[in-house]
Amino acid sequence: MSAGSNPAPPTALAPQEEPKKRMPLDRIILLGVLLVVAVLVVIDYRARFSYNAALQQVLKYLPESEEAADLNPIDLEAVPTQPQIEALIGQPPDKDSRRSIDVGVVEETYTWHGIFRTFAFRVQYRKFREELRLERVASISEDQPPTEVAAPLRNQ
């Protein structure tokens, strides 16, 4: 290059960088709130799913109604014991939930805590040959009194 020519300024030759676009603060806050809500819903759904799965595992050992229990007598040897029920449910009963209802009848509560609701059911066991065996299951709702899910087993 000659001394008389004007060299091009170095910035003209380099590609121009566009200024980085930043997310507005309101979008960041909105994404954070949506993420928190999604996590809360997932926690509540997991509690409901675990409750329903445990309840179905226990209910398959009980007759559907008292009439069914009368028509098809239950072999109490085949009814699961308390440790077997705990293994099916996958968790121990709530602390301090065990109480005696009658002579030889014990009741325990199993609870799953969600964010928005608590899911629970009570299981009654009857003493049979020195073991507690499943007798009845009752669902517990926060708003309503306990409802009977399955009929009691009848001793022969």
N, C-alpha and C. Protein backbone atom coordinates (compact mmCIF):
# COMPACT_ATOMS: atom_id res chain seq x y z
N MET A 1 0.82 -1.17 0.00
CA MET A 1 0.00 0.00 0.00
C MET A 1 0.87 1.24 0.00
N SER A 2 0.42 2.19 -0.67
CA SER A 2 1.19 3.44 -0.75
C SER A 2 0.81 4.33 0.41
N ALA A 3 1.68 5.27 0.63
CA ALA A 3 1.47 6.16 1.77
C ALA A 3 0.30 7.09 1.53
N GLY A 4 -0.08 7.30 0.28
CA GLY A 4 -1.15 8.22 0.00
C GLY A 4 -2.53 7.60 0.07
N SER A 5 -2.61 6.30 0.07
CA SER A 5 -3.94 5.69 0.10
C SER A 5 -4.43 5.56 1.53
N ASN A 6 -5.68 5.70 1.63
CA ASN A 6 -6.30 5.57 2.96
C ASN A 6 -6.61 4.10 3.25
N PRO A 7 -5.99 3.54 4.27
CA PRO A 7 -6.36 2.16 4.60
C PRO A 7 -7.76 2.15 5.23
N ALA A 8 -8.45 1.07 4.99
CA ALA A 8 -9.79 0.94 5.54
C ALA A 8 -9.71 0.76 7.05
N PRO A 9 -10.62 1.36 7.74
CA PRO A 9 -10.59 1.18 9.19
C PRO A 9 -10.80 -0.30 9.54
N PRO A 10 -10.12 -0.78 10.57
CA PRO A 10 -10.21 -2.20 10.90
C PRO A 10 -11.61 -2.66 11.26
N THR A 11 -12.44 -1.81 11.75
CA THR A 11 -13.79 -2.22 12.13
C THR A 11 -14.66 -2.46 10.91
N ALA A 12 -14.36 -1.85 9.83
CA ALA A 12 -15.17 -2.03 8.64
C ALA A 12 -14.96 -3.41 8.04
N LEU A 13 -13.78 -4.00 8.21
CA LEU A 13 -13.50 -5.31 7.65
C LEU A 13 -14.03 -6.44 8.53
N ALA A 14 -14.06 -6.25 9.81
CA ALA A 14 -14.52 -7.29 10.73
C ALA A 14 -16.04 -7.38 10.69
N PRO A 15 -16.56 -8.60 10.80
CA PRO A 15 -18.02 -8.71 10.81
C PRO A 15 -18.58 -8.07 12.07
N GLN A 16 -19.68 -7.41 11.90
CA GLN A 16 -20.28 -6.72 13.04
C GLN A 16 -21.07 -7.70 13.89
N GLU A 17 -20.84 -7.63 15.18
CA GLU A 17 -21.57 -8.49 16.12
C GLU A 17 -22.85 -7.79 16.53
N GLU A 18 -23.93 -8.58 16.52
CA GLU A 18 -25.19 -8.01 16.97
C GLU A 18 -25.20 -8.03 18.49
N PRO A 19 -25.80 -7.06 19.09
CA PRO A 19 -25.86 -7.07 20.55
C PRO A 19 -26.68 -8.29 21.01
N LYS A 20 -26.23 -8.94 22.08
CA LYS A 20 -26.93 -10.13 22.58
C LYS A 20 -28.28 -9.72 23.15
N LYS A 21 -29.28 -10.52 22.76
CA LYS A 21 -30.61 -10.25 23.28
C LYS A 21 -30.75 -10.96 24.63
N ARG A 22 -31.21 -10.24 25.59
CA ARG A 22 -31.42 -10.82 26.90
C ARG A 22 -32.90 -11.08 27.11
N MET A 23 -33.17 -12.13 27.89
CA MET A 23 -34.57 -12.40 28.20
C MET A 23 -35.08 -11.33 29.16
N PRO A 24 -36.24 -10.83 28.90
CA PRO A 24 -36.80 -9.85 29.82
C PRO A 24 -37.05 -10.50 31.19
N LEU A 25 -37.00 -9.71 32.21
CA LEU A 25 -37.15 -10.19 33.58
C LEU A 25 -38.51 -10.87 33.80
N ASP A 26 -39.55 -10.36 33.17
CA ASP A 26 -40.87 -10.96 33.37
C ASP A 26 -40.94 -12.38 32.81
N ARG A 27 -40.22 -12.67 31.73
CA ARG A 27 -40.21 -14.03 31.19
C ARG A 27 -39.43 -14.98 32.10
N ILE A 28 -38.37 -14.50 32.68
CA ILE A 28 -37.59 -15.32 33.60
C ILE A 28 -38.45 -15.68 34.82
N ILE A 29 -39.16 -14.70 35.35
CA ILE A 29 -40.04 -14.95 36.50
C ILE A 29 -41.14 -15.92 36.12
N LEU A 30 -41.73 -15.75 34.96
CA LEU A 30 -42.79 -16.64 34.50
C LEU A 30 -42.29 -18.08 34.36
N LEU A 31 -41.13 -18.26 33.79
CA LEU A 31 -40.56 -19.61 33.65
C LEU A 31 -40.28 -20.23 35.01
N GLY A 32 -39.80 -19.44 35.95
CA GLY A 32 -39.56 -19.93 37.31
C GLY A 32 -40.84 -20.38 37.99
N VAL A 33 -41.89 -19.59 37.86
CA VAL A 33 -43.19 -19.94 38.46
C VAL A 33 -43.74 -21.20 37.81
N LEU A 34 -43.66 -21.31 36.50
CA LEU A 34 -44.15 -22.51 35.81
C LEU A 34 -43.38 -23.76 36.24
N LEU A 35 -42.09 -23.62 36.43
CA LEU A 35 -41.27 -24.74 36.88
C LEU A 35 -41.67 -25.19 38.29
N VAL A 36 -41.90 -24.25 39.18
CA VAL A 36 -42.32 -24.58 40.55
C VAL A 36 -43.68 -25.27 40.54
N VAL A 37 -44.62 -24.75 39.77
CA VAL A 37 -45.95 -25.36 39.69
C VAL A 37 -45.86 -26.78 39.13
N ALA A 38 -45.04 -26.97 38.12
CA ALA A 38 -44.88 -28.31 37.54
C ALA A 38 -44.32 -29.29 38.56
N VAL A 39 -43.35 -28.87 39.35
CA VAL A 39 -42.77 -29.74 40.38
C VAL A 39 -43.83 -30.08 41.43
N LEU A 40 -44.63 -29.12 41.85
CA LEU A 40 -45.68 -29.37 42.83
C LEU A 40 -46.72 -30.35 42.31
N VAL A 41 -47.10 -30.21 41.07
CA VAL A 41 -48.08 -31.12 40.48
C VAL A 41 -47.51 -32.53 40.38
N VAL A 42 -46.25 -32.67 40.03
CA VAL A 42 -45.62 -33.99 39.94
C VAL A 42 -45.56 -34.65 41.31
N ILE A 43 -45.23 -33.90 42.35
CA ILE A 43 -45.19 -34.47 43.70
C ILE A 43 -46.57 -34.95 44.11
N ASP A 44 -47.60 -34.16 43.85
CA ASP A 44 -48.97 -34.55 44.21
C ASP A 44 -49.41 -35.77 43.40
N TYR A 45 -49.06 -35.81 42.13
CA TYR A 45 -49.43 -36.94 41.28
C TYR A 45 -48.76 -38.22 41.76
N ARG A 46 -47.49 -38.13 42.15
CA ARG A 46 -46.78 -39.32 42.65
C ARG A 46 -47.43 -39.86 43.92
N ALA A 47 -47.86 -38.97 44.82
CA ALA A 47 -48.54 -39.41 46.04
C ALA A 47 -49.84 -40.11 45.70
N ARG A 48 -50.61 -39.54 44.79
CA ARG A 48 -51.89 -40.16 44.38
C ARG A 48 -51.65 -41.50 43.70
N PHE A 49 -50.66 -41.57 42.84
CA PHE A 49 -50.36 -42.82 42.13
C PHE A 49 -49.92 -43.91 43.10
N SER A 50 -49.06 -43.57 44.04
CA SER A 50 -48.60 -44.55 45.03
C SER A 50 -49.74 -45.03 45.91
N TYR A 51 -50.61 -44.12 46.31
CA TYR A 51 -51.78 -44.47 47.12
C TYR A 51 -52.68 -45.44 46.36
N ASN A 52 -53.01 -45.11 45.12
CA ASN A 52 -53.89 -45.98 44.33
C ASN A 52 -53.27 -47.36 44.09
N ALA A 53 -51.98 -47.40 43.82
CA ALA A 53 -51.32 -48.69 43.59
C ALA A 53 -51.33 -49.54 44.85
N ALA A 54 -51.04 -48.94 45.99
CA ALA A 54 -51.04 -49.69 47.26
C ALA A 54 -52.44 -50.17 47.60
N LEU A 55 -53.44 -49.32 47.41
CA LEU A 55 -54.82 -49.70 47.71
C LEU A 55 -55.26 -50.87 46.83
N GLN A 56 -54.93 -50.84 45.56
CA GLN A 56 -55.30 -51.93 44.66
C GLN A 56 -54.59 -53.23 45.04
N GLN A 57 -53.35 -53.14 45.49
CA GLN A 57 -52.62 -54.34 45.93
C GLN A 57 -53.32 -54.99 47.12
N VAL A 58 -53.82 -54.19 48.05
CA VAL A 58 -54.47 -54.73 49.24
C VAL A 58 -55.88 -55.23 48.90
N LEU A 59 -56.60 -54.49 48.07
CA LEU A 59 -57.99 -54.86 47.77
C LEU A 59 -58.13 -56.17 47.02
N LYS A 60 -57.10 -56.59 46.31
CA LYS A 60 -57.23 -57.83 45.55
C LYS A 60 -57.33 -59.06 46.47
N TYR A 61 -57.03 -58.89 47.75
CA TYR A 61 -57.16 -60.00 48.70
C TYR A 61 -58.51 -60.03 49.41
N LEU A 62 -59.34 -59.02 49.18
CA LEU A 62 -60.63 -58.95 49.86
C LEU A 62 -61.77 -59.20 48.88
N PRO A 63 -62.89 -59.74 49.37
CA PRO A 63 -64.06 -59.90 48.50
C PRO A 63 -64.64 -58.53 48.15
N GLU A 64 -65.37 -58.47 47.04
CA GLU A 64 -65.90 -57.20 46.57
C GLU A 64 -67.07 -56.71 47.43
N SER A 65 -67.80 -57.60 48.06
CA SER A 65 -68.94 -57.21 48.87
C SER A 65 -69.20 -58.28 49.93
N GLU A 66 -70.13 -57.98 50.84
CA GLU A 66 -70.49 -58.97 51.86
C GLU A 66 -71.15 -60.19 51.23
N GLU A 67 -71.94 -59.97 50.17
CA GLU A 67 -72.59 -61.09 49.50
C GLU A 67 -71.54 -62.03 48.90
N ALA A 68 -70.51 -61.46 48.32
CA ALA A 68 -69.45 -62.28 47.75
C ALA A 68 -68.71 -63.04 48.84
N ALA A 69 -68.55 -62.43 50.00
CA ALA A 69 -67.90 -63.11 51.13
C ALA A 69 -68.76 -64.25 51.64
N ASP A 70 -70.09 -64.07 51.62
CA ASP A 70 -70.99 -65.13 52.07
C ASP A 70 -71.01 -66.29 51.09
N LEU A 71 -70.99 -65.99 49.80
CA LEU A 71 -71.06 -67.05 48.78
C LEU A 71 -69.75 -67.81 48.65
N ASN A 72 -68.64 -67.11 48.76
CA ASN A 72 -67.32 -67.73 48.63
C ASN A 72 -66.55 -67.53 49.93
N PRO A 73 -66.65 -68.47 50.85
CA PRO A 73 -65.95 -68.30 52.13
C PRO A 73 -64.45 -68.13 51.91
N ILE A 74 -63.88 -67.27 52.72
CA ILE A 74 -62.46 -66.96 52.62
C ILE A 74 -61.66 -67.95 53.45
N ASP A 75 -60.62 -68.47 52.86
CA ASP A 75 -59.68 -69.32 53.59
C ASP A 75 -58.69 -68.38 54.29
N LEU A 76 -58.81 -68.27 55.61
CA LEU A 76 -57.97 -67.31 56.33
C LEU A 76 -56.49 -67.65 56.26
N GLU A 77 -56.17 -68.89 55.93
CA GLU A 77 -54.76 -69.23 55.74
C GLU A 77 -54.18 -68.51 54.51
N ALA A 78 -55.04 -68.21 53.53
CA ALA A 78 -54.58 -67.56 52.30
C ALA A 78 -54.56 -66.04 52.42
N VAL A 79 -55.20 -65.50 53.46
CA VAL A 79 -55.23 -64.06 53.65
C VAL A 79 -53.86 -63.60 54.15
N PRO A 80 -53.30 -62.53 53.57
CA PRO A 80 -51.96 -62.10 53.97
C PRO A 80 -51.89 -61.59 55.40
N THR A 81 -50.71 -61.74 55.98
CA THR A 81 -50.48 -61.25 57.33
C THR A 81 -50.05 -59.79 57.28
N GLN A 82 -49.92 -59.18 58.44
CA GLN A 82 -49.54 -57.77 58.50
C GLN A 82 -48.19 -57.51 57.85
N PRO A 83 -47.14 -58.30 58.11
CA PRO A 83 -45.86 -58.04 57.41
C PRO A 83 -45.97 -58.20 55.89
N GLN A 84 -46.80 -59.12 55.43
CA GLN A 84 -46.98 -59.29 53.98
C GLN A 84 -47.69 -58.07 53.38
N ILE A 85 -48.66 -57.53 54.10
CA ILE A 85 -49.36 -56.33 53.62
C ILE A 85 -48.39 -55.15 53.56
N GLU A 86 -47.57 -54.99 54.59
CA GLU A 86 -46.59 -53.91 54.57
C GLU A 86 -45.63 -54.05 53.39
N ALA A 87 -45.25 -55.28 53.08
CA ALA A 87 -44.37 -55.51 51.92
C ALA A 87 -45.09 -55.17 50.62
N LEU A 88 -46.38 -55.50 50.52
CA LEU A 88 -47.16 -55.16 49.32
C LEU A 88 -47.28 -53.65 49.16
N ILE A 89 -47.56 -52.97 50.26
CA ILE A 89 -47.76 -51.52 50.21
C ILE A 89 -46.44 -50.80 49.95
N GLY A 90 -45.38 -51.33 50.50
CA GLY A 90 -44.07 -50.73 50.26
C GLY A 90 -43.66 -49.70 51.29
N GLN A 91 -44.41 -49.59 52.36
CA GLN A 91 -44.05 -48.66 53.42
C GLN A 91 -44.66 -49.13 54.73
N PRO A 92 -44.07 -48.76 55.85
CA PRO A 92 -44.66 -49.14 57.13
C PRO A 92 -45.87 -48.24 57.43
N PRO A 93 -46.70 -48.64 58.38
CA PRO A 93 -47.83 -47.77 58.74
C PRO A 93 -47.33 -46.49 59.40
N ASP A 94 -48.22 -45.52 59.49
CA ASP A 94 -47.87 -44.25 60.14
C ASP A 94 -47.49 -44.49 61.60
N LYS A 95 -46.62 -43.66 62.09
CA LYS A 95 -46.23 -43.75 63.50
C LYS A 95 -47.45 -43.47 64.37
N ASP A 96 -47.58 -44.19 65.43
CA ASP A 96 -48.66 -44.02 66.41
C ASP A 96 -50.05 -44.17 65.79
N SER A 97 -50.18 -44.90 64.70
CA SER A 97 -51.50 -45.08 64.09
C SER A 97 -52.15 -46.39 64.52
N ARG A 98 -51.40 -47.25 65.16
CA ARG A 98 -51.94 -48.56 65.55
C ARG A 98 -52.86 -48.41 66.76
N ARG A 99 -54.05 -48.99 66.63
CA ARG A 99 -54.97 -48.98 67.76
C ARG A 99 -55.82 -50.24 67.73
N SER A 100 -56.23 -50.67 68.91
CA SER A 100 -57.08 -51.85 69.03
C SER A 100 -58.53 -51.42 68.92
N ILE A 101 -59.26 -52.07 68.04
CA ILE A 101 -60.67 -51.76 67.83
C ILE A 101 -61.53 -52.64 68.73
N ASP A 102 -61.20 -53.90 68.77
CA ASP A 102 -61.97 -54.91 69.49
C ASP A 102 -60.97 -55.97 69.93
N VAL A 103 -61.45 -56.96 70.62
CA VAL A 103 -60.57 -58.05 71.03
C VAL A 103 -60.09 -58.76 69.77
N GLY A 104 -58.79 -58.77 69.57
CA GLY A 104 -58.21 -59.46 68.41
C GLY A 104 -58.26 -58.67 67.12
N VAL A 105 -58.70 -57.41 67.14
CA VAL A 105 -58.76 -56.58 65.93
C VAL A 105 -57.88 -55.35 66.12
N VAL A 106 -56.98 -55.14 65.18
CA VAL A 106 -56.05 -54.02 65.22
C VAL A 106 -56.21 -53.22 63.93
N GLU A 107 -56.13 -51.90 64.05
CA GLU A 107 -56.26 -51.02 62.88
C GLU A 107 -55.01 -50.17 62.75
N GLU A 108 -54.52 -50.00 61.51
CA GLU A 108 -53.37 -49.15 61.23
C GLU A 108 -53.68 -48.26 60.03
N THR A 109 -53.04 -47.10 59.99
CA THR A 109 -53.26 -46.14 58.91
C THR A 109 -51.98 -45.99 58.08
N TYR A 110 -52.17 -45.95 56.77
CA TYR A 110 -51.08 -45.72 55.82
C TYR A 110 -51.38 -44.42 55.08
N THR A 111 -50.41 -43.52 55.02
CA THR A 111 -50.65 -42.19 54.46
C THR A 111 -49.58 -41.82 53.42
N TRP A 112 -50.03 -41.16 52.35
CA TRP A 112 -49.15 -40.60 51.33
C TRP A 112 -49.44 -39.11 51.27
N HIS A 113 -48.42 -38.29 51.43
CA HIS A 113 -48.59 -36.83 51.47
C HIS A 113 -48.23 -36.23 50.12
N GLY A 114 -49.22 -35.57 49.53
CA GLY A 114 -48.98 -34.77 48.34
C GLY A 114 -48.85 -33.32 48.77
N ILE A 115 -48.72 -32.43 47.82
CA ILE A 115 -48.63 -31.01 48.15
C ILE A 115 -50.02 -30.44 48.43
N PHE A 116 -50.99 -30.83 47.60
CA PHE A 116 -52.32 -30.28 47.71
C PHE A 116 -53.26 -31.13 48.55
N ARG A 117 -53.02 -32.44 48.60
CA ARG A 117 -53.90 -33.37 49.33
C ARG A 117 -53.08 -34.43 50.02
N THR A 118 -53.71 -35.08 50.98
CA THR A 118 -53.12 -36.23 51.66
C THR A 118 -54.02 -37.43 51.35
N PHE A 119 -53.41 -38.53 50.99
CA PHE A 119 -54.14 -39.75 50.64
C PHE A 119 -53.84 -40.79 51.70
N ALA A 120 -54.89 -41.43 52.22
CA ALA A 120 -54.68 -42.40 53.30
C ALA A 120 -55.77 -43.47 53.27
N PHE A 121 -55.44 -44.61 53.82
CA PHE A 121 -56.44 -45.63 54.09
C PHE A 121 -56.08 -46.38 55.36
N ARG A 122 -57.12 -46.93 55.99
CA ARG A 122 -56.95 -47.72 57.20
C ARG A 122 -57.08 -49.19 56.86
N VAL A 123 -56.24 -49.98 57.49
CA VAL A 123 -56.30 -51.43 57.30
C VAL A 123 -56.58 -52.05 58.66
N GLN A 124 -57.59 -52.94 58.69
CA GLN A 124 -57.89 -53.66 59.92
C GLN A 124 -57.39 -55.09 59.79
N TYR A 125 -56.77 -55.54 60.86
CA TYR A 125 -56.26 -56.91 60.92
C TYR A 125 -56.99 -57.64 62.04
N ARG A 126 -57.24 -58.92 61.84
CA ARG A 126 -57.84 -59.77 62.87
C ARG A 126 -56.82 -60.82 63.26
N LYS A 127 -56.74 -61.07 64.54
CA LYS A 127 -55.80 -62.07 65.03
C LYS A 127 -56.33 -63.46 64.69
N PHE A 128 -55.51 -64.24 64.01
CA PHE A 128 -55.86 -65.60 63.62
C PHE A 128 -54.63 -66.46 63.81
N ARG A 129 -54.69 -67.38 64.73
CA ARG A 129 -53.56 -68.26 65.06
C ARG A 129 -52.29 -67.47 65.35
N GLU A 130 -52.41 -66.54 66.26
CA GLU A 130 -51.29 -65.74 66.75
C GLU A 130 -50.67 -64.83 65.69
N GLU A 131 -51.34 -64.62 64.57
CA GLU A 131 -50.86 -63.68 63.54
C GLU A 131 -51.98 -62.71 63.22
N LEU A 132 -51.60 -61.49 62.88
CA LEU A 132 -52.59 -60.51 62.42
C LEU A 132 -52.80 -60.71 60.93
N ARG A 133 -54.05 -60.94 60.53
CA ARG A 133 -54.38 -61.16 59.12
C ARG A 133 -55.34 -60.07 58.65
N LEU A 134 -55.22 -59.72 57.37
CA LEU A 134 -56.04 -58.66 56.77
C LEU A 134 -57.52 -58.97 56.92
N GLU A 135 -58.28 -57.96 57.36
CA GLU A 135 -59.73 -58.14 57.47
C GLU A 135 -60.51 -57.10 56.66
N ARG A 136 -60.11 -55.84 56.72
CA ARG A 136 -60.91 -54.78 56.11
C ARG A 136 -60.01 -53.61 55.72
N VAL A 137 -60.45 -52.87 54.70
CA VAL A 137 -59.74 -51.66 54.27
C VAL A 137 -60.76 -50.54 54.16
N ALA A 138 -60.44 -49.38 54.70
CA ALA A 138 -61.32 -48.22 54.61
C ALA A 138 -60.52 -47.03 54.12
N SER A 139 -61.02 -46.35 53.11
CA SER A 139 -60.37 -45.17 52.57
C SER A 139 -60.66 -43.97 53.46
N ILE A 140 -59.70 -43.08 53.58
CA ILE A 140 -59.85 -41.89 54.41
C ILE A 140 -59.70 -40.67 53.52
N SER A 141 -60.66 -39.76 53.60
CA SER A 141 -60.58 -38.50 52.86
C SER A 141 -60.54 -37.38 53.88
N GLU A 142 -59.88 -36.29 53.53
CA GLU A 142 -59.79 -35.16 54.46
C GLU A 142 -61.16 -34.51 54.66
N ASP A 143 -62.00 -34.53 53.63
CA ASP A 143 -63.27 -33.81 53.68
C ASP A 143 -64.41 -34.65 54.21
N GLN A 144 -64.32 -35.96 54.09
CA GLN A 144 -65.44 -36.84 54.40
C GLN A 144 -65.06 -37.80 55.51
N PRO A 145 -66.06 -38.40 56.16
CA PRO A 145 -65.76 -39.45 57.12
C PRO A 145 -65.24 -40.68 56.37
N PRO A 146 -64.56 -41.60 57.05
CA PRO A 146 -64.02 -42.78 56.38
C PRO A 146 -65.12 -43.56 55.66
N THR A 147 -64.80 -44.03 54.48
CA THR A 147 -65.75 -44.83 53.71
C THR A 147 -65.24 -46.25 53.62
N GLU A 148 -66.16 -47.15 53.59
CA GLU A 148 -65.82 -48.56 53.53
C GLU A 148 -65.46 -48.92 52.10
N VAL A 149 -64.28 -49.46 51.88
CA VAL A 149 -63.86 -49.85 50.54
C VAL A 149 -64.20 -51.30 50.28
N ALA A 150 -64.02 -52.13 51.25
CA ALA A 150 -64.29 -53.55 51.08
C ALA A 150 -64.97 -54.11 52.32
N ALA A 151 -65.76 -55.13 52.11
CA ALA A 151 -66.50 -55.74 53.20
C ALA A 151 -65.57 -56.54 54.10
N PRO A 152 -65.95 -56.71 55.36
CA PRO A 152 -65.11 -57.49 56.25
C PRO A 152 -65.14 -58.97 55.90
N LEU A 153 -64.08 -59.65 56.24
CA LEU A 153 -64.02 -61.09 56.05
C LEU A 153 -64.81 -61.76 57.17
N ARG A 154 -65.38 -62.84 56.88
CA ARG A 154 -66.15 -63.58 57.87
C ARG A 154 -65.39 -64.82 58.30
N ASN A 155 -65.35 -65.04 59.59
CA ASN A 155 -64.70 -66.25 60.09
C ASN A 155 -65.64 -67.42 59.94
N GLN A 156 -65.11 -68.58 59.64
CA GLN A 156 -65.92 -69.79 59.47
C GLN A 156 -66.12 -70.47 60.79
